[in-house]
Amino acid sequence: MPEWWPLLLGWPAVFLSVTLAVVGIVSTKPGLILVAAVLAAPFSLYLSAGWNNGIWVSVVFAALPLTFVAAAYTVKHRRPWIAWCLLVPFVGVVIRFFIRVISQ
């Protein structure tokens, strides 16, 4: 029986969510950014459940997909530069987590 959860929680979903968000901003389609938020949610919830640095870190990680929703709102209202800024926290967390995984 194939395991499907790595596709939902793993790196393919993370990279696909970032790619969809970038394509959504460039093409000014907020729907793509909302799909990216849905794809980013399991990864963010996984990080929030597995981090032991306090409740505020867990809340911040759990709230990361909301930056995608805010980015979709700003793209809808023709403010793409704000959408780019809103993607920075998620991409930063992904890069930091990726480096941590690779260095182990």
N, C-alpha and C. Protein backbone atom coordinates (compact mmCIF):
# COMPACT_ATOMS: atom_id res chain seq x y z
N MET A 1 0.84 -1.18 0.00
CA MET A 1 0.00 0.00 0.00
C MET A 1 0.89 1.25 0.00
N PRO A 2 0.74 2.10 -1.00
CA PRO A 2 1.59 3.29 -1.06
C PRO A 2 1.20 4.30 0.03
N GLU A 3 2.21 4.97 0.50
CA GLU A 3 1.95 5.99 1.51
C GLU A 3 1.77 7.34 0.81
N TRP A 4 0.67 7.99 1.05
CA TRP A 4 0.35 9.25 0.41
C TRP A 4 0.67 10.46 1.27
N TRP A 5 0.86 10.27 2.57
CA TRP A 5 1.04 11.43 3.44
C TRP A 5 2.32 12.20 3.18
N PRO A 6 3.44 11.59 2.72
CA PRO A 6 4.60 12.45 2.42
C PRO A 6 4.33 13.45 1.30
N LEU A 7 3.43 13.10 0.38
CA LEU A 7 3.10 14.05 -0.68
C LEU A 7 2.31 15.23 -0.14
N LEU A 8 1.53 15.00 0.91
CA LEU A 8 0.72 16.06 1.50
C LEU A 8 1.52 16.91 2.48
N LEU A 9 2.38 16.27 3.27
CA LEU A 9 3.14 16.98 4.29
C LEU A 9 4.57 17.30 3.87
N GLY A 10 5.06 16.60 2.89
CA GLY A 10 6.48 16.66 2.58
C GLY A 10 6.88 17.78 1.65
N TRP A 11 8.10 17.62 1.14
CA TRP A 11 8.70 18.65 0.31
C TRP A 11 7.96 18.89 -1.00
N PRO A 12 7.37 17.86 -1.64
CA PRO A 12 6.63 18.18 -2.87
C PRO A 12 5.50 19.20 -2.65
N ALA A 13 4.77 19.05 -1.56
CA ALA A 13 3.68 20.00 -1.27
C ALA A 13 4.23 21.39 -0.94
N VAL A 14 5.35 21.42 -0.24
CA VAL A 14 5.94 22.71 0.13
C VAL A 14 6.42 23.45 -1.12
N PHE A 15 7.17 22.75 -1.97
CA PHE A 15 7.67 23.40 -3.18
C PHE A 15 6.53 23.76 -4.13
N LEU A 16 5.52 22.92 -4.21
CA LEU A 16 4.37 23.24 -5.06
C LEU A 16 3.61 24.45 -4.54
N SER A 17 3.48 24.57 -3.22
CA SER A 17 2.78 25.72 -2.66
C SER A 17 3.52 27.02 -2.93
N VAL A 18 4.84 27.00 -2.79
CA VAL A 18 5.63 28.20 -3.08
C VAL A 18 5.54 28.54 -4.57
N THR A 19 5.63 27.52 -5.41
CA THR A 19 5.55 27.74 -6.85
C THR A 19 4.20 28.31 -7.25
N LEU A 20 3.12 27.73 -6.70
CA LEU A 20 1.79 28.25 -7.03
C LEU A 20 1.61 29.68 -6.54
N ALA A 21 2.17 30.00 -5.39
CA ALA A 21 2.05 31.37 -4.87
C ALA A 21 2.79 32.35 -5.78
N VAL A 22 3.97 31.97 -6.22
CA VAL A 22 4.74 32.85 -7.12
C VAL A 22 4.01 33.02 -8.45
N VAL A 23 3.52 31.93 -9.00
CA VAL A 23 2.78 32.01 -10.26
C VAL A 23 1.50 32.84 -10.07
N GLY A 24 0.85 32.69 -8.94
CA GLY A 24 -0.36 33.46 -8.67
C GLY A 24 -0.09 34.95 -8.58
N ILE A 25 1.04 35.31 -7.98
CA ILE A 25 1.38 36.74 -7.88
C ILE A 25 1.75 37.29 -9.25
N VAL A 26 2.58 36.55 -9.98
CA VAL A 26 3.03 37.03 -11.29
C VAL A 26 1.86 37.14 -12.27
N SER A 27 0.96 36.16 -12.24
CA SER A 27 -0.17 36.19 -13.17
C SER A 27 -1.39 36.90 -12.61
N THR A 28 -1.27 37.46 -11.42
CA THR A 28 -2.35 38.17 -10.72
C THR A 28 -3.62 37.33 -10.62
N LYS A 29 -3.45 36.08 -10.18
CA LYS A 29 -4.59 35.19 -9.96
C LYS A 29 -4.62 34.78 -8.49
N PRO A 30 -5.46 35.42 -7.70
CA PRO A 30 -5.50 35.11 -6.27
C PRO A 30 -5.96 33.69 -5.96
N GLY A 31 -6.67 33.06 -6.86
CA GLY A 31 -7.11 31.69 -6.64
C GLY A 31 -5.95 30.72 -6.51
N LEU A 32 -4.92 30.93 -7.31
CA LEU A 32 -3.74 30.08 -7.20
C LEU A 32 -3.05 30.24 -5.84
N ILE A 33 -3.07 31.44 -5.33
CA ILE A 33 -2.44 31.69 -4.04
C ILE A 33 -3.25 31.02 -2.93
N LEU A 34 -4.56 31.00 -3.07
CA LEU A 34 -5.39 30.31 -2.07
C LEU A 34 -5.18 28.80 -2.11
N VAL A 35 -4.97 28.24 -3.30
CA VAL A 35 -4.63 26.82 -3.40
C VAL A 35 -3.29 26.57 -2.74
N ALA A 36 -2.36 27.48 -2.92
CA ALA A 36 -1.05 27.36 -2.27
C ALA A 36 -1.19 27.39 -0.74
N ALA A 37 -2.12 28.19 -0.24
CA ALA A 37 -2.36 28.24 1.20
C ALA A 37 -2.86 26.91 1.72
N VAL A 38 -3.75 26.28 0.96
CA VAL A 38 -4.27 24.97 1.36
C VAL A 38 -3.15 23.93 1.37
N LEU A 39 -2.26 24.00 0.37
CA LEU A 39 -1.14 23.06 0.31
C LEU A 39 -0.11 23.33 1.41
N ALA A 40 0.02 24.57 1.83
CA ALA A 40 1.00 24.92 2.86
C ALA A 40 0.50 24.62 4.27
N ALA A 41 -0.80 24.49 4.45
CA ALA A 41 -1.37 24.30 5.78
C ALA A 41 -0.89 23.03 6.49
N PRO A 42 -0.88 21.85 5.85
CA PRO A 42 -0.42 20.66 6.59
C PRO A 42 1.04 20.76 7.04
N PHE A 43 1.90 21.31 6.18
CA PHE A 43 3.30 21.49 6.55
C PHE A 43 3.43 22.43 7.74
N SER A 44 2.69 23.52 7.72
CA SER A 44 2.75 24.49 8.82
C SER A 44 2.21 23.89 10.12
N LEU A 45 1.14 23.13 10.03
CA LEU A 45 0.60 22.50 11.23
C LEU A 45 1.54 21.42 11.76
N TYR A 46 2.22 20.73 10.87
CA TYR A 46 3.22 19.74 11.28
C TYR A 46 4.35 20.42 12.04
N LEU A 47 4.82 21.55 11.52
CA LEU A 47 5.88 22.28 12.22
C LEU A 47 5.40 22.83 13.55
N SER A 48 4.18 23.30 13.60
CA SER A 48 3.68 23.87 14.85
C SER A 48 3.50 22.80 15.92
N ALA A 49 3.16 21.58 15.51
CA ALA A 49 2.98 20.50 16.48
C ALA A 49 4.32 19.93 16.94
N GLY A 50 5.33 20.01 16.10
CA GLY A 50 6.60 19.38 16.43
C GLY A 50 7.64 20.28 17.05
N TRP A 51 7.36 21.55 17.17
CA TRP A 51 8.35 22.49 17.69
C TRP A 51 8.16 22.63 19.20
N ASN A 52 9.24 22.57 19.95
CA ASN A 52 9.15 22.63 21.41
C ASN A 52 9.78 23.89 22.00
N ASN A 53 9.65 25.00 21.34
CA ASN A 53 10.23 26.25 21.83
C ASN A 53 9.21 27.18 22.46
N GLY A 54 8.04 26.72 22.73
CA GLY A 54 7.03 27.55 23.37
C GLY A 54 5.79 27.68 22.52
N ILE A 55 4.76 28.16 23.15
CA ILE A 55 3.47 28.25 22.49
C ILE A 55 3.46 29.29 21.37
N TRP A 56 4.19 30.38 21.54
CA TRP A 56 4.14 31.43 20.53
C TRP A 56 4.76 30.97 19.22
N VAL A 57 5.78 30.12 19.27
CA VAL A 57 6.38 29.59 18.05
C VAL A 57 5.38 28.69 17.34
N SER A 58 4.66 27.87 18.10
CA SER A 58 3.65 27.00 17.51
C SER A 58 2.53 27.81 16.85
N VAL A 59 2.13 28.88 17.49
CA VAL A 59 1.06 29.72 16.93
C VAL A 59 1.53 30.40 15.65
N VAL A 60 2.77 30.87 15.65
CA VAL A 60 3.31 31.53 14.45
C VAL A 60 3.38 30.54 13.30
N PHE A 61 3.87 29.34 13.56
CA PHE A 61 3.95 28.34 12.49
C PHE A 61 2.56 27.96 11.99
N ALA A 62 1.61 27.82 12.88
CA ALA A 62 0.26 27.46 12.47
C ALA A 62 -0.40 28.58 11.66
N ALA A 63 0.00 29.81 11.89
CA ALA A 63 -0.60 30.95 11.20
C ALA A 63 0.07 31.29 9.87
N LEU A 64 1.13 30.60 9.51
CA LEU A 64 1.83 30.92 8.27
C LEU A 64 0.95 30.85 7.02
N PRO A 65 0.04 29.89 6.89
CA PRO A 65 -0.81 29.91 5.69
C PRO A 65 -1.70 31.15 5.58
N LEU A 66 -1.92 31.83 6.68
CA LEU A 66 -2.71 33.06 6.61
C LEU A 66 -1.99 34.15 5.84
N THR A 67 -0.66 34.07 5.77
CA THR A 67 0.07 35.04 4.96
C THR A 67 -0.24 34.83 3.48
N PHE A 68 -0.50 33.59 3.08
CA PHE A 68 -0.91 33.33 1.70
C PHE A 68 -2.29 33.94 1.43
N VAL A 69 -3.18 33.81 2.39
CA VAL A 69 -4.52 34.38 2.23
C VAL A 69 -4.42 35.91 2.11
N ALA A 70 -3.59 36.50 2.95
CA ALA A 70 -3.40 37.95 2.87
C ALA A 70 -2.75 38.34 1.55
N ALA A 71 -1.84 37.51 1.05
CA ALA A 71 -1.21 37.78 -0.25
C ALA A 71 -2.24 37.71 -1.37
N ALA A 72 -3.16 36.76 -1.29
CA ALA A 72 -4.21 36.67 -2.30
C ALA A 72 -5.09 37.93 -2.26
N TYR A 73 -5.38 38.41 -1.07
CA TYR A 73 -6.17 39.64 -0.93
C TYR A 73 -5.45 40.83 -1.56
N THR A 74 -4.15 40.93 -1.31
CA THR A 74 -3.41 42.07 -1.85
C THR A 74 -3.26 41.97 -3.37
N VAL A 75 -3.14 40.76 -3.90
CA VAL A 75 -3.08 40.60 -5.36
C VAL A 75 -4.42 41.00 -5.97
N LYS A 76 -5.51 40.62 -5.31
CA LYS A 76 -6.83 40.99 -5.81
C LYS A 76 -6.99 42.50 -5.87
N HIS A 77 -6.39 43.20 -4.92
CA HIS A 77 -6.49 44.66 -4.88
C HIS A 77 -5.29 45.36 -5.52
N ARG A 78 -4.59 44.64 -6.38
CA ARG A 78 -3.50 45.17 -7.21
C ARG A 78 -2.36 45.78 -6.39
N ARG A 79 -1.92 45.06 -5.38
CA ARG A 79 -0.74 45.45 -4.60
C ARG A 79 0.23 44.27 -4.54
N PRO A 80 0.83 43.90 -5.68
CA PRO A 80 1.66 42.69 -5.70
C PRO A 80 2.91 42.80 -4.85
N TRP A 81 3.44 43.98 -4.65
CA TRP A 81 4.66 44.10 -3.85
C TRP A 81 4.40 43.72 -2.40
N ILE A 82 3.19 43.97 -1.90
CA ILE A 82 2.85 43.54 -0.55
C ILE A 82 2.72 42.02 -0.51
N ALA A 83 2.20 41.43 -1.58
CA ALA A 83 2.09 39.97 -1.64
C ALA A 83 3.47 39.32 -1.60
N TRP A 84 4.43 39.91 -2.31
CA TRP A 84 5.79 39.37 -2.26
C TRP A 84 6.33 39.42 -0.84
N CYS A 85 6.09 40.52 -0.15
CA CYS A 85 6.57 40.66 1.24
C CYS A 85 5.89 39.65 2.16
N LEU A 86 4.63 39.34 1.90
CA LEU A 86 3.91 38.39 2.73
C LEU A 86 4.38 36.95 2.53
N LEU A 87 5.01 36.66 1.42
CA LEU A 87 5.53 35.31 1.19
C LEU A 87 6.87 35.08 1.88
N VAL A 88 7.55 36.14 2.24
CA VAL A 88 8.88 36.02 2.83
C VAL A 88 8.90 35.16 4.11
N PRO A 89 7.96 35.31 5.05
CA PRO A 89 8.04 34.47 6.26
C PRO A 89 7.96 32.98 5.96
N PHE A 90 7.05 32.57 5.09
CA PHE A 90 6.92 31.15 4.78
C PHE A 90 8.17 30.63 4.08
N VAL A 91 8.65 31.38 3.11
CA VAL A 91 9.85 30.94 2.38
C VAL A 91 11.05 30.90 3.33
N GLY A 92 11.14 31.84 4.25
CA GLY A 92 12.22 31.82 5.23
C GLY A 92 12.17 30.59 6.12
N VAL A 93 10.98 30.23 6.57
CA VAL A 93 10.83 29.03 7.40
C VAL A 93 11.18 27.78 6.60
N VAL A 94 10.75 27.74 5.35
CA VAL A 94 11.05 26.59 4.50
C VAL A 94 12.55 26.45 4.29
N ILE A 95 13.22 27.55 4.00
CA ILE A 95 14.67 27.50 3.79
C ILE A 95 15.39 27.07 5.06
N ARG A 96 14.98 27.63 6.19
CA ARG A 96 15.63 27.26 7.45
C ARG A 96 15.41 25.78 7.77
N PHE A 97 14.20 25.28 7.58
CA PHE A 97 13.90 23.88 7.86
C PHE A 97 14.62 22.98 6.87
N PHE A 98 14.70 23.39 5.60
CA PHE A 98 15.41 22.61 4.58
C PHE A 98 16.88 22.49 4.94
N ILE A 99 17.50 23.58 5.34
CA ILE A 99 18.92 23.55 5.71
C ILE A 99 19.10 22.65 6.93
N ARG A 100 18.19 22.72 7.87
CA ARG A 100 18.29 21.87 9.07
C ARG A 100 18.17 20.40 8.72
N VAL A 101 17.28 20.06 7.82
CA VAL A 101 17.11 18.66 7.41
C VAL A 101 18.33 18.17 6.66
N ILE A 102 18.86 18.98 5.75
CA ILE A 102 20.01 18.58 4.95
C ILE A 102 21.26 18.42 5.82
N SER A 103 21.40 19.24 6.84
CA SER A 103 22.62 19.19 7.67
C SER A 103 22.62 18.04 8.66
N GLN A 104 21.52 17.32 8.80
CA GLN A 104 21.51 16.20 9.76
C GLN A 104 22.14 14.97 9.18
